[in-house]
Amino acid sequence: MPSRHVVVIGAGIGGLTTGALLARRGYPVLVLDQALVPGGCASTFKRKGFTFDVGATQVAGLEPGGIHHRIFRELEIEIPAATPCDPACAVYLPGETEPINVWRDPQKWKEERQRQFPGSEPFWELLATLFRASWAFQSRDPVLPPRNLWDLWQLVSAVRPDTLITLPYTFLTVGDALRGYGLGDNQRLRTFLDLQLKLYSQVDAEETALLYAATALSVSQEPQGLFHLKGSMQVLSDRLVSSLERDGGKLLMRHTVERIHTTNGKATGVVIRNQKTGVVWTEPADHVVANVTAQNLVQLLELEAEKPESANSPSKIQNRYRRRVDKLPPSSGAFVVYLGVDRSAIPSGCPPHLQFLYDYDGPIGENNSLFVSVSHAGDGRAPEGKATIIASSFVDTRNWWQSEDYEQLKQQYTEEAIARLSQFFHLTPETIVHQEAATPRTFARFTARDRGIVGGIGQRVSTFGPFGFANRTPVNHLWLVGDSTHPGEGTAGVSYSALTVVRQIENAKN
């Protein structure tokens, strides 16, 4: 059995998946998190009998062959009960009362988009072609971006003749493809794509890498799909924790990692503070896995003494890494309203996920657009006769940290969001049982993500796939897991990154 001790920083889905897989394969594992409950941005909280998903509200990869299905089978734990989201989302554009329904059935979705966006089918056919090649490629577990010969071999081994069709599109964005098909001025189509891509890539169609978009915009159709978990999103982390502990791993909540120790360019341990007792100690480790943002990682990293005589000294390499992180465009935060309501507030036939844009001239975010998740009867999120509504909007985190009157700003956003939601839902003082809101400051407090950012780094050409942040960091035996790395955000994306790191650790030679 392996004897190398692994410390995992962060009990989000990426960290728990890494820890559970390593424990299953015989490694001594310690997982640490500063929060009260595991799950990170896919955790939950309870109020007055309601269960609210903190951030993520839908899951990909539960279908046979999907990443969650593969991992749960290896861990020998039961696949969570879930229902397919159909439509995956109902999108309402400004001034329109009929939604654009993203159906799970491929033929039904094709008919919908042909009706909604006449003349756009060649663009969608391109996405479908790129998706098929990209999905087959990803299913062979490539390592992106490669950082040594073993990584490169995994990447090359995943390439097949059909993969080569994607190469001419490596440097293109969705905006480039739209212009190529004469659709650059199609406002409805571009706006729909902007709304959907902002959810998955953090940036709009003009900036999103085309190869990333091909997967993000296609994965909601059969035989894949998006799923609504029975109970809550917490079921994912609960089952991973059970697997971790069953196989000898250990999870410590309310324990903050304050520093990652390095010696001669290699991670050697972490400094831990027990939040309850205040006790601080150093935990030695053969490998350290950081389930944090790239921004958080450089803050935790202990910079070694400068060695000016060597351009490739550990400190020089780490400084280059820091500079790259510092140059990243600002990531988005989220403003979220959580409502517990009487079931009468929900329109008949309401889909589980909706997206609203209220003004073409306004930004995507800042309450001008809302992504809404609605619980359904019997899904475990609300008492009988009640429901939950979770509405989120992307925001600039800087406004929330620089505001002179934070509480007033929070109240303003809450009132605006509820007023917007009242255009679709029947929201009155009588139907609203509970309400509260979360801001970037809230997410920073409970998830420790830098400035409360959500969703990782934008999936631009410069940060996607071969050009993104690697799981291998500049420090030997220090690994980065989560939505800053390939293939991006969501529980499925971070689980892929976890599997990659587990394979890399198993093949580490020193």
Protein backbone atom coordinates (compact mmCIF):
# COMPACT_ATOMS: atom_id res chain seq x y z
CA MET A 1 0.00 0.00 0.00
CA PRO A 2 1.17 3.60 -0.63
CA SER A 3 2.77 5.26 2.39
CA ARG A 4 2.88 8.83 1.06
CA HIS A 5 0.80 11.15 3.25
CA VAL A 6 -1.48 13.56 1.37
CA VAL A 7 -3.01 16.73 2.80
CA VAL A 8 -5.97 18.20 0.90
CA ILE A 9 -6.82 21.86 1.45
CA GLY A 10 -10.53 22.44 0.94
CA ALA A 11 -13.53 20.12 1.25
CA GLY A 12 -15.32 21.28 -1.87
CA ILE A 13 -16.33 18.62 -4.39
CA GLY A 14 -12.88 18.73 -6.00
CA GLY A 15 -11.07 18.24 -2.71
CA LEU A 16 -13.41 15.57 -1.39
CA THR A 17 -13.25 13.66 -4.67
CA THR A 18 -9.44 13.77 -4.61
CA GLY A 19 -9.34 12.66 -0.98
CA ALA A 20 -11.89 9.86 -1.43
CA LEU A 21 -10.15 8.45 -4.51
CA LEU A 22 -6.72 8.55 -2.86
CA ALA A 23 -8.04 6.92 0.31
CA ARG A 24 -9.70 4.25 -1.82
CA ARG A 25 -6.33 3.60 -3.46
CA GLY A 26 -4.63 3.21 -0.08
CA TYR A 27 -3.13 6.63 0.63
CA PRO A 28 -3.21 8.20 4.11
CA VAL A 29 -5.30 11.35 3.53
CA LEU A 30 -6.18 14.37 5.67
CA VAL A 31 -8.77 16.83 4.29
CA LEU A 32 -9.04 20.26 5.91
CA ASP A 33 -11.64 23.01 5.53
CA GLN A 34 -12.36 26.23 7.38
CA ALA A 35 -16.15 26.00 6.93
CA LEU A 36 -18.81 24.43 9.14
CA VAL A 37 -19.98 21.89 6.57
CA PRO A 38 -18.26 20.24 3.59
CA GLY A 39 -19.20 20.88 -0.01
CA GLY A 40 -17.85 24.37 -0.67
CA CYS A 41 -19.95 26.12 -3.31
CA ALA A 42 -22.04 22.93 -3.65
CA SER A 43 -23.08 22.84 0.01
CA THR A 44 -26.41 23.79 1.60
CA PHE A 45 -27.93 25.54 4.59
CA LYS A 46 -31.32 25.21 6.33
CA ARG A 47 -33.84 27.83 7.43
CA LYS A 48 -37.36 27.28 8.81
CA GLY A 49 -37.61 23.82 7.27
CA PHE A 50 -36.26 24.94 3.88
CA THR A 51 -33.00 23.59 2.43
CA PHE A 52 -31.13 26.02 0.18
CA ASP A 53 -28.32 25.09 -2.20
CA VAL A 54 -25.56 27.63 -1.57
CA GLY A 55 -24.32 27.97 -5.15
CA ALA A 56 -24.46 25.06 -7.57
CA THR A 57 -28.00 23.82 -8.17
CA GLN A 58 -27.63 21.32 -11.02
CA VAL A 59 -25.24 18.47 -11.78
CA ALA A 60 -23.77 17.00 -14.97
CA GLY A 61 -22.04 13.65 -15.23
CA LEU A 62 -24.51 11.35 -13.45
CA GLU A 63 -25.36 9.40 -16.61
CA PRO A 64 -23.60 6.05 -17.24
CA GLY A 65 -20.06 6.89 -18.28
CA GLY A 66 -20.32 10.42 -16.83
CA ILE A 67 -17.59 11.56 -14.47
CA HIS A 68 -19.66 11.32 -11.28
CA HIS A 69 -20.95 7.90 -12.33
CA ARG A 70 -17.38 6.69 -12.97
CA ILE A 71 -16.05 8.00 -9.67
CA PHE A 72 -18.94 6.73 -7.58
CA ARG A 73 -18.54 3.29 -9.13
CA GLU A 74 -14.85 3.21 -8.27
CA LEU A 75 -15.63 4.32 -4.72
CA GLU A 76 -18.43 1.73 -4.54
CA ILE A 77 -20.97 4.23 -3.30
CA GLU A 78 -24.51 4.66 -4.54
CA ILE A 79 -25.28 7.12 -7.33
CA PRO A 80 -27.54 9.86 -5.87
CA ALA A 81 -31.19 9.89 -6.86
CA ALA A 82 -31.83 12.63 -9.41
CA THR A 83 -34.24 13.74 -12.10
CA PRO A 84 -33.12 15.08 -15.51
CA CYS A 85 -33.66 18.81 -16.02
CA ASP A 86 -35.99 19.08 -19.00
CA PRO A 87 -35.80 21.76 -20.12
CA ALA A 88 -32.32 22.32 -18.76
CA CYS A 89 -33.20 26.00 -18.70
CA ALA A 90 -36.02 28.27 -19.84
CA VAL A 91 -34.53 31.55 -21.05
CA TYR A 92 -36.60 34.73 -21.18
CA LEU A 93 -35.25 37.59 -23.29
CA PRO A 94 -36.31 41.23 -22.70
CA GLY A 95 -39.95 41.93 -23.42
CA GLU A 96 -40.72 38.32 -24.36
CA THR A 97 -43.26 36.13 -22.58
CA GLU A 98 -42.38 32.89 -24.36
CA PRO A 99 -39.12 31.27 -23.21
CA ILE A 100 -36.38 29.65 -25.24
CA ASN A 101 -36.49 26.13 -23.83
CA VAL A 102 -33.22 24.19 -23.84
CA TRP A 103 -34.75 20.72 -24.20
CA ARG A 104 -32.94 17.52 -23.24
CA ASP A 105 -34.17 15.64 -26.31
CA PRO A 106 -31.75 16.53 -29.15
CA GLN A 107 -34.42 16.61 -31.86
CA LYS A 108 -36.75 18.71 -29.73
CA TRP A 109 -33.94 21.15 -28.99
CA LYS A 110 -33.05 21.31 -32.69
CA GLU A 111 -36.62 22.20 -33.58
CA GLU A 112 -36.71 24.80 -30.80
CA ARG A 113 -33.56 26.61 -31.90
CA GLN A 114 -34.59 26.50 -35.58
CA ARG A 115 -37.84 28.19 -34.59
CA GLN A 116 -36.19 30.69 -32.27
CA PHE A 117 -33.12 31.45 -34.40
CA PRO A 118 -33.91 30.89 -38.10
CA GLY A 119 -30.84 30.45 -40.28
CA SER A 120 -28.51 29.56 -37.41
CA GLU A 121 -28.43 25.77 -37.87
CA PRO A 122 -24.97 25.61 -39.53
CA PHE A 123 -23.55 27.24 -36.39
CA TRP A 124 -25.25 24.68 -34.14
CA GLU A 125 -24.10 21.82 -36.37
CA LEU A 126 -20.52 23.03 -35.96
CA LEU A 127 -20.96 23.01 -32.18
CA ALA A 128 -22.35 19.47 -32.33
CA THR A 129 -19.41 18.26 -34.41
CA LEU A 130 -16.87 19.84 -32.09
CA PHE A 131 -18.71 18.52 -29.03
CA ARG A 132 -18.66 14.92 -30.23
CA ALA A 133 -14.92 15.07 -30.86
CA SER A 134 -14.17 16.95 -27.63
CA TRP A 135 -16.36 14.67 -25.49
CA ALA A 136 -14.71 11.53 -26.86
CA PHE A 137 -11.30 13.11 -26.27
CA GLN A 138 -12.13 14.09 -22.67
CA SER A 139 -13.51 10.61 -21.92
CA ARG A 140 -9.99 9.24 -22.53
CA ASP A 141 -8.69 11.32 -19.60
CA PRO A 142 -6.13 13.61 -21.23
CA VAL A 143 -3.95 15.78 -19.00
CA LEU A 144 -4.26 19.46 -19.93
CA PRO A 145 -2.10 21.41 -19.94
CA PRO A 146 0.82 18.95 -19.80
CA ARG A 147 3.80 19.86 -17.64
CA ASN A 148 6.08 16.82 -17.95
CA LEU A 149 6.60 13.79 -20.17
CA TRP A 150 4.04 11.65 -18.31
CA ASP A 151 1.39 14.37 -18.73
CA LEU A 152 2.27 14.71 -22.39
CA TRP A 153 1.95 10.97 -22.95
CA GLN A 154 -1.55 10.98 -21.38
CA LEU A 155 -2.50 13.82 -23.70
CA VAL A 156 -1.08 12.19 -26.83
CA SER A 157 -2.67 8.84 -25.92
CA ALA A 158 -6.10 10.48 -25.83
CA VAL A 159 -5.79 11.85 -29.37
CA ARG A 160 -7.56 10.01 -32.19
CA PRO A 161 -8.08 10.95 -35.85
CA ASP A 162 -11.46 12.47 -34.99
CA THR A 163 -9.77 14.74 -32.41
CA LEU A 164 -7.89 16.53 -35.17
CA ILE A 165 -11.10 18.16 -36.42
CA THR A 166 -10.93 20.48 -33.40
CA LEU A 167 -7.44 21.82 -34.14
CA PRO A 168 -8.43 24.58 -36.61
CA TYR A 169 -10.79 25.99 -33.96
CA THR A 170 -8.30 26.07 -31.08
CA PHE A 171 -7.82 29.85 -31.18
CA LEU A 172 -11.38 30.84 -32.08
CA THR A 173 -14.11 32.25 -29.86
CA VAL A 174 -17.86 31.84 -30.17
CA GLY A 175 -17.97 35.40 -31.49
CA ASP A 176 -15.59 34.41 -34.29
CA ALA A 177 -17.82 31.47 -35.25
CA LEU A 178 -20.94 33.65 -35.28
CA ARG A 179 -19.30 36.11 -37.63
CA GLY A 180 -18.06 33.25 -39.80
CA TYR A 181 -21.67 32.14 -40.35
CA GLY A 182 -22.98 35.68 -40.88
CA LEU A 183 -24.69 35.70 -37.46
CA GLY A 184 -22.59 38.35 -35.75
CA ASP A 185 -25.44 40.89 -35.80
CA ASN A 186 -28.18 38.49 -34.68
CA GLN A 187 -29.02 40.15 -31.37
CA ARG A 188 -31.41 37.50 -30.03
CA LEU A 189 -29.01 34.64 -30.73
CA ARG A 190 -25.96 36.45 -29.38
CA THR A 191 -27.86 37.50 -26.25
CA PHE A 192 -29.07 33.96 -25.63
CA LEU A 193 -25.50 32.67 -26.01
CA ASP A 194 -24.15 35.42 -23.76
CA LEU A 195 -26.61 34.44 -21.02
CA GLN A 196 -25.92 30.72 -21.23
CA LEU A 197 -22.15 31.04 -21.55
CA LYS A 198 -21.87 33.45 -18.65
CA LEU A 199 -23.20 30.63 -16.44
CA TYR A 200 -20.59 28.13 -17.59
CA SER A 201 -17.55 30.09 -18.76
CA GLN A 202 -17.82 33.34 -16.75
CA VAL A 203 -17.49 35.38 -19.96
CA ASP A 204 -19.73 36.16 -22.93
CA ALA A 205 -19.78 34.77 -26.47
CA GLU A 206 -17.21 37.25 -27.73
CA GLU A 207 -14.60 35.96 -25.25
CA THR A 208 -15.52 32.30 -24.64
CA ALA A 209 -13.26 29.75 -26.33
CA LEU A 210 -15.27 27.98 -29.04
CA LEU A 211 -14.10 24.50 -28.03
CA TYR A 212 -15.22 25.08 -24.44
CA ALA A 213 -18.57 26.45 -25.58
CA ALA A 214 -19.19 23.40 -27.78
CA THR A 215 -19.27 21.25 -24.64
CA ALA A 216 -20.98 23.76 -22.35
CA LEU A 217 -23.84 24.33 -24.81
CA SER A 218 -24.31 20.66 -25.73
CA VAL A 219 -23.92 18.70 -22.50
CA SER A 220 -27.54 19.28 -21.46
CA GLN A 221 -28.84 17.01 -24.25
CA GLU A 222 -29.17 13.22 -24.17
CA PRO A 223 -27.33 10.92 -23.72
CA GLN A 224 -25.75 13.40 -21.32
CA GLY A 225 -27.83 15.90 -19.41
CA LEU A 226 -28.16 18.14 -16.38
CA PHE A 227 -29.73 16.71 -13.25
CA HIS A 228 -31.64 17.95 -10.22
CA LEU A 229 -30.60 15.99 -7.11
CA LYS A 230 -33.20 14.69 -4.70
CA GLY A 231 -32.66 16.18 -1.26
CA SER A 232 -30.05 18.82 -2.07
CA MET A 233 -26.61 19.33 -3.56
CA GLN A 234 -25.22 18.28 -0.17
CA VAL A 235 -25.80 14.62 -1.04
CA LEU A 236 -22.70 14.69 -3.26
CA SER A 237 -20.34 15.84 -0.51
CA ASP A 238 -22.02 13.64 2.13
CA ARG A 239 -21.39 10.50 0.09
CA LEU A 240 -17.83 11.48 -0.71
CA VAL A 241 -17.16 12.11 3.00
CA SER A 242 -18.60 8.70 3.87
CA SER A 243 -16.32 7.06 1.30
CA LEU A 244 -13.27 9.01 2.50
CA GLU A 245 -13.78 8.02 6.14
CA ARG A 246 -14.72 4.43 5.33
CA ASP A 247 -11.36 4.00 3.60
CA GLY A 248 -9.33 5.52 6.43
CA GLY A 249 -9.18 9.17 5.37
CA LYS A 250 -9.82 11.97 7.84
CA LEU A 251 -11.82 15.18 7.49
CA LEU A 252 -11.36 18.16 9.83
CA MET A 253 -13.84 21.02 9.47
CA ARG A 254 -13.28 24.42 11.12
CA HIS A 255 -9.55 24.04 10.49
CA THR A 256 -7.86 26.78 8.48
CA VAL A 257 -4.70 26.20 6.46
CA GLU A 258 -2.64 29.37 6.88
CA ARG A 259 0.48 28.49 4.93
CA ILE A 260 1.95 25.88 2.62
CA HIS A 261 5.55 25.04 3.53
CA THR A 262 8.08 24.44 0.76
CA THR A 263 11.71 23.33 0.79
CA ASN A 264 13.95 23.38 -2.27
CA GLY A 265 10.96 23.84 -4.54
CA LYS A 266 8.92 21.02 -3.00
CA ALA A 267 5.82 21.09 -0.79
CA THR A 268 6.61 19.63 2.61
CA GLY A 269 3.59 20.44 4.76
CA VAL A 270 0.96 22.95 5.84
CA VAL A 271 0.39 25.24 8.82
CA ILE A 272 -3.05 24.57 10.34
CA ARG A 273 -5.10 26.58 12.83
CA ASN A 274 -7.94 24.98 14.79
CA GLN A 275 -10.67 27.64 14.75
CA LYS A 276 -12.26 26.39 17.98
CA THR A 277 -9.15 26.14 20.16
CA GLY A 278 -6.77 28.49 18.36
CA VAL A 279 -4.07 25.80 18.37
CA VAL A 280 -1.64 26.11 15.45
CA TRP A 281 0.58 23.29 14.22
CA THR A 282 2.50 22.14 11.17
CA GLU A 283 1.31 18.99 9.41
CA PRO A 284 4.02 17.33 7.31
CA ALA A 285 2.97 15.97 3.93
CA ASP A 286 4.45 14.16 0.96
CA HIS A 287 1.85 15.77 -1.30
CA VAL A 288 -0.38 18.80 -0.81
CA VAL A 289 -3.54 19.16 -2.92
CA ALA A 290 -5.11 22.63 -2.94
CA ASN A 291 -8.81 22.71 -3.75
CA VAL A 292 -8.76 26.50 -3.88
CA THR A 293 -8.72 29.26 -6.49
CA ALA A 294 -5.45 30.12 -8.21
CA GLN A 295 -5.61 33.45 -6.38
CA ASN A 296 -5.91 31.73 -3.00
CA LEU A 297 -3.07 29.36 -3.85
CA VAL A 298 -0.48 32.10 -4.33
CA GLN A 299 -1.61 33.69 -1.05
CA LEU A 300 -1.00 30.40 0.79
CA LEU A 301 2.30 29.64 -0.86
CA GLU A 302 5.38 30.25 1.22
CA LEU A 303 7.89 32.04 -0.97
CA GLU A 304 11.40 30.65 -0.66
CA ALA A 305 14.49 32.84 -0.31
CA GLU A 306 15.62 34.43 -3.56
CA LYS A 307 18.47 32.79 -5.47
CA PRO A 308 19.46 35.49 -8.00
CA GLU A 309 22.18 33.36 -9.53
CA SER A 310 19.63 30.98 -11.03
CA ALA A 311 16.87 32.03 -13.43
CA ASN A 312 15.12 28.72 -12.72
CA SER A 313 15.37 28.78 -8.94
CA PRO A 314 12.16 27.81 -7.09
CA SER A 315 11.50 31.40 -6.04
CA LYS A 316 11.90 32.73 -9.59
CA ILE A 317 9.50 30.14 -10.97
CA GLN A 318 6.97 30.80 -8.22
CA ASN A 319 7.16 34.53 -8.84
CA ARG A 320 6.39 34.01 -12.53
CA TYR A 321 3.37 31.98 -11.47
CA ARG A 322 2.24 34.77 -9.11
CA ARG A 323 2.59 37.35 -11.86
CA ARG A 324 0.43 35.25 -14.17
CA VAL A 325 -2.27 34.99 -11.50
CA ASP A 326 -2.06 38.72 -10.81
CA LYS A 327 -2.62 39.48 -14.51
CA LEU A 328 -5.86 37.49 -14.70
CA PRO A 329 -8.92 39.62 -15.53
CA PRO A 330 -11.15 40.14 -12.48
CA SER A 331 -13.39 37.15 -11.78
CA SER A 332 -17.09 37.58 -11.12
CA GLY A 333 -18.85 37.42 -7.81
CA ALA A 334 -22.48 36.61 -7.19
CA PHE A 335 -25.41 38.24 -5.47
CA VAL A 336 -27.94 35.59 -4.45
CA VAL A 337 -31.44 35.85 -3.00
CA TYR A 338 -32.80 32.80 -1.16
CA LEU A 339 -36.57 32.66 -0.79
CA GLY A 340 -38.73 30.16 1.04
CA VAL A 341 -42.24 30.60 -0.31
CA ASP A 342 -45.71 29.17 -0.31
CA ARG A 343 -46.24 26.81 -3.25
CA SER A 344 -48.94 29.19 -4.57
CA ALA A 345 -46.14 31.62 -5.50
CA ILE A 346 -44.89 29.22 -8.19
CA PRO A 347 -46.61 29.31 -11.62
CA SER A 348 -48.04 26.02 -12.84
CA GLY A 349 -45.58 23.99 -14.90
CA CYS A 350 -42.59 26.08 -13.81
CA PRO A 351 -39.30 24.46 -14.93
CA PRO A 352 -36.57 23.89 -12.32
CA HIS A 353 -34.19 26.44 -13.88
CA LEU A 354 -34.92 29.76 -15.56
CA GLN A 355 -32.88 32.67 -16.84
CA PHE A 356 -34.14 36.20 -17.27
CA LEU A 357 -32.63 39.22 -19.03
CA TYR A 358 -34.57 42.41 -18.41
CA ASP A 359 -32.87 45.00 -20.66
CA TYR A 360 -30.82 44.48 -23.82
CA ASP A 361 -28.77 47.61 -23.04
CA GLY A 362 -27.89 46.53 -19.51
CA PRO A 363 -25.14 44.20 -18.33
CA ILE A 364 -25.46 40.45 -17.89
CA GLY A 365 -25.53 40.53 -14.14
CA GLU A 366 -26.07 43.27 -11.55
CA ASN A 367 -29.76 42.24 -11.27
CA ASN A 368 -30.35 42.94 -14.98
CA SER A 369 -30.15 39.18 -15.45
CA LEU A 370 -31.11 36.45 -12.99
CA PHE A 371 -30.51 32.71 -12.99
CA VAL A 372 -33.29 31.09 -10.97
CA SER A 373 -33.62 27.62 -9.48
CA VAL A 374 -36.99 26.43 -8.18
CA SER A 375 -37.62 23.39 -6.00
CA HIS A 376 -40.30 20.89 -6.92
CA ALA A 377 -42.72 19.05 -4.69
CA GLY A 378 -41.10 16.01 -3.13
CA ASP A 379 -37.48 16.94 -3.92
CA GLY A 380 -36.62 17.39 -0.24
CA ARG A 381 -35.92 21.12 -0.29
CA ALA A 382 -39.11 22.48 1.22
CA PRO A 383 -41.95 21.47 3.60
CA GLU A 384 -45.19 20.24 2.07
CA GLY A 385 -47.02 23.04 0.32
CA LYS A 386 -43.88 25.19 0.17
CA ALA A 387 -41.00 25.76 -2.28
CA THR A 388 -37.61 27.40 -2.54
CA ILE A 389 -36.57 30.04 -5.07
CA ILE A 390 -32.86 30.80 -5.47
CA ALA A 391 -32.01 33.72 -7.75
CA SER A 392 -28.43 34.70 -8.53
CA SER A 393 -26.81 37.48 -10.53
CA PHE A 394 -23.18 38.04 -11.45
CA VAL A 395 -21.66 41.13 -9.85
CA ASP A 396 -18.34 42.98 -9.75
CA THR A 397 -16.75 41.94 -6.45
CA ARG A 398 -14.88 45.23 -6.15
CA ASN A 399 -18.12 47.16 -5.62
CA TRP A 400 -18.95 45.04 -2.57
CA TRP A 401 -15.59 45.42 -0.89
CA GLN A 402 -15.28 49.15 -1.60
CA SER A 403 -18.85 50.12 -0.70
CA GLU A 404 -19.11 52.68 2.09
CA ASP A 405 -22.55 51.39 3.10
CA TYR A 406 -22.53 47.63 2.57
CA GLU A 407 -25.86 46.94 4.29
CA GLN A 408 -27.67 49.58 2.25
CA LEU A 409 -26.22 48.17 -0.98
CA LYS A 410 -27.27 44.66 0.03
CA GLN A 411 -30.81 45.83 0.81
CA GLN A 412 -31.01 47.69 -2.50
CA TYR A 413 -29.99 44.61 -4.48
CA THR A 414 -32.41 42.42 -2.51
CA GLU A 415 -35.37 44.70 -3.19
CA GLU A 416 -34.49 45.00 -6.89
CA ALA A 417 -34.12 41.23 -7.28
CA ILE A 418 -37.45 40.49 -5.57
CA ALA A 419 -39.17 43.15 -7.70
CA ARG A 420 -37.76 41.49 -10.84
CA LEU A 421 -38.80 38.02 -9.66
CA SER A 422 -42.31 39.29 -8.90
CA GLN A 423 -42.84 39.78 -12.63
CA PHE A 424 -42.91 35.97 -12.96
CA PHE A 425 -43.61 34.60 -9.47
CA HIS A 426 -46.47 35.59 -7.17
CA LEU A 427 -44.36 37.15 -4.43
CA THR A 428 -46.14 39.03 -1.66
CA PRO A 429 -45.56 39.42 2.09
CA GLU A 430 -48.07 36.58 2.50
CA THR A 431 -46.36 34.12 0.12
CA ILE A 432 -42.76 34.83 1.23
CA VAL A 433 -42.05 32.73 4.31
CA HIS A 434 -38.31 33.38 4.51
CA GLN A 435 -35.82 35.56 2.66
CA GLU A 436 -32.11 36.29 2.92
CA ALA A 437 -29.32 37.31 0.60
CA ALA A 438 -25.66 36.53 0.01
CA THR A 439 -23.00 38.77 -1.50
CA PRO A 440 -19.34 38.32 -2.44
CA ARG A 441 -18.53 39.14 1.17
CA THR A 442 -20.78 36.29 2.28
CA PHE A 443 -19.11 33.83 -0.08
CA ALA A 444 -15.66 34.98 1.05
CA ARG A 445 -16.63 34.38 4.67
CA PHE A 446 -18.11 30.91 4.22
CA THR A 447 -16.05 29.50 1.34
CA ALA A 448 -12.79 31.48 1.83
CA ARG A 449 -12.61 32.06 -1.93
CA ASP A 450 -10.57 35.16 -2.73
CA ARG A 451 -12.88 38.22 -2.63
CA GLY A 452 -15.84 35.83 -2.81
CA ILE A 453 -15.35 35.06 -6.52
CA VAL A 454 -17.39 32.25 -8.06
CA GLY A 455 -16.96 29.90 -11.00
CA GLY A 456 -13.21 29.97 -11.44
CA ILE A 457 -11.38 31.85 -14.18
CA GLY A 458 -13.04 32.83 -17.46
CA GLN A 459 -12.79 30.22 -20.19
CA ARG A 460 -11.11 32.46 -22.71
CA VAL A 461 -8.77 31.05 -25.35
CA SER A 462 -5.82 32.18 -23.22
CA THR A 463 -6.98 30.25 -20.15
CA PHE A 464 -8.72 27.21 -21.62
CA GLY A 465 -7.33 23.70 -22.15
CA PRO A 466 -3.68 23.72 -23.26
CA PHE A 467 -3.34 27.39 -22.24
CA GLY A 468 -4.94 27.13 -18.80
CA PHE A 469 -3.63 26.56 -15.30
CA ALA A 470 -2.19 23.09 -14.83
CA ASN A 471 -2.89 20.76 -11.94
CA ARG A 472 0.88 20.63 -11.48
CA THR A 473 2.03 23.87 -9.87
CA PRO A 474 5.56 25.32 -9.94
CA VAL A 475 6.14 23.63 -6.58
CA ASN A 476 6.84 19.90 -6.76
CA HIS A 477 4.19 17.76 -5.07
CA LEU A 478 1.83 20.73 -4.78
CA TRP A 479 -1.29 20.20 -6.87
CA LEU A 480 -4.14 22.54 -7.82
CA VAL A 481 -7.66 21.12 -8.04
CA GLY A 482 -10.91 22.88 -8.84
CA ASP A 483 -12.47 25.37 -11.22
CA SER A 484 -9.22 27.25 -11.92
CA THR A 485 -7.98 24.18 -13.82
CA HIS A 486 -9.10 22.13 -16.83
CA PRO A 487 -11.92 21.49 -17.66
CA GLY A 488 -13.45 24.34 -15.65
CA GLU A 489 -16.32 24.92 -13.28
CA GLY A 490 -19.21 22.78 -12.06
CA THR A 491 -19.13 19.61 -9.99
CA ALA A 492 -18.34 17.56 -13.10
CA GLY A 493 -15.45 19.82 -14.12
CA VAL A 494 -13.79 19.84 -10.70
CA SER A 495 -14.24 16.06 -10.44
CA TYR A 496 -12.31 15.63 -13.69
CA SER A 497 -9.50 17.74 -12.27
CA ALA A 498 -9.52 15.63 -9.09
CA LEU A 499 -9.19 12.41 -11.08
CA THR A 500 -6.28 13.92 -13.01
CA VAL A 501 -4.41 14.81 -9.82
CA VAL A 502 -4.98 11.37 -8.34
CA ARG A 503 -3.45 9.79 -11.45
CA GLN A 504 -0.53 12.24 -11.34
CA ILE A 505 0.18 11.52 -7.67
CA GLU A 506 0.13 7.79 -8.33
CA ASN A 507 2.73 8.27 -11.05
CA ALA A 508 4.95 10.70 -9.12
CA LYS A 509 8.46 9.25 -8.90
CA ASN A 510 9.87 11.29 -6.01
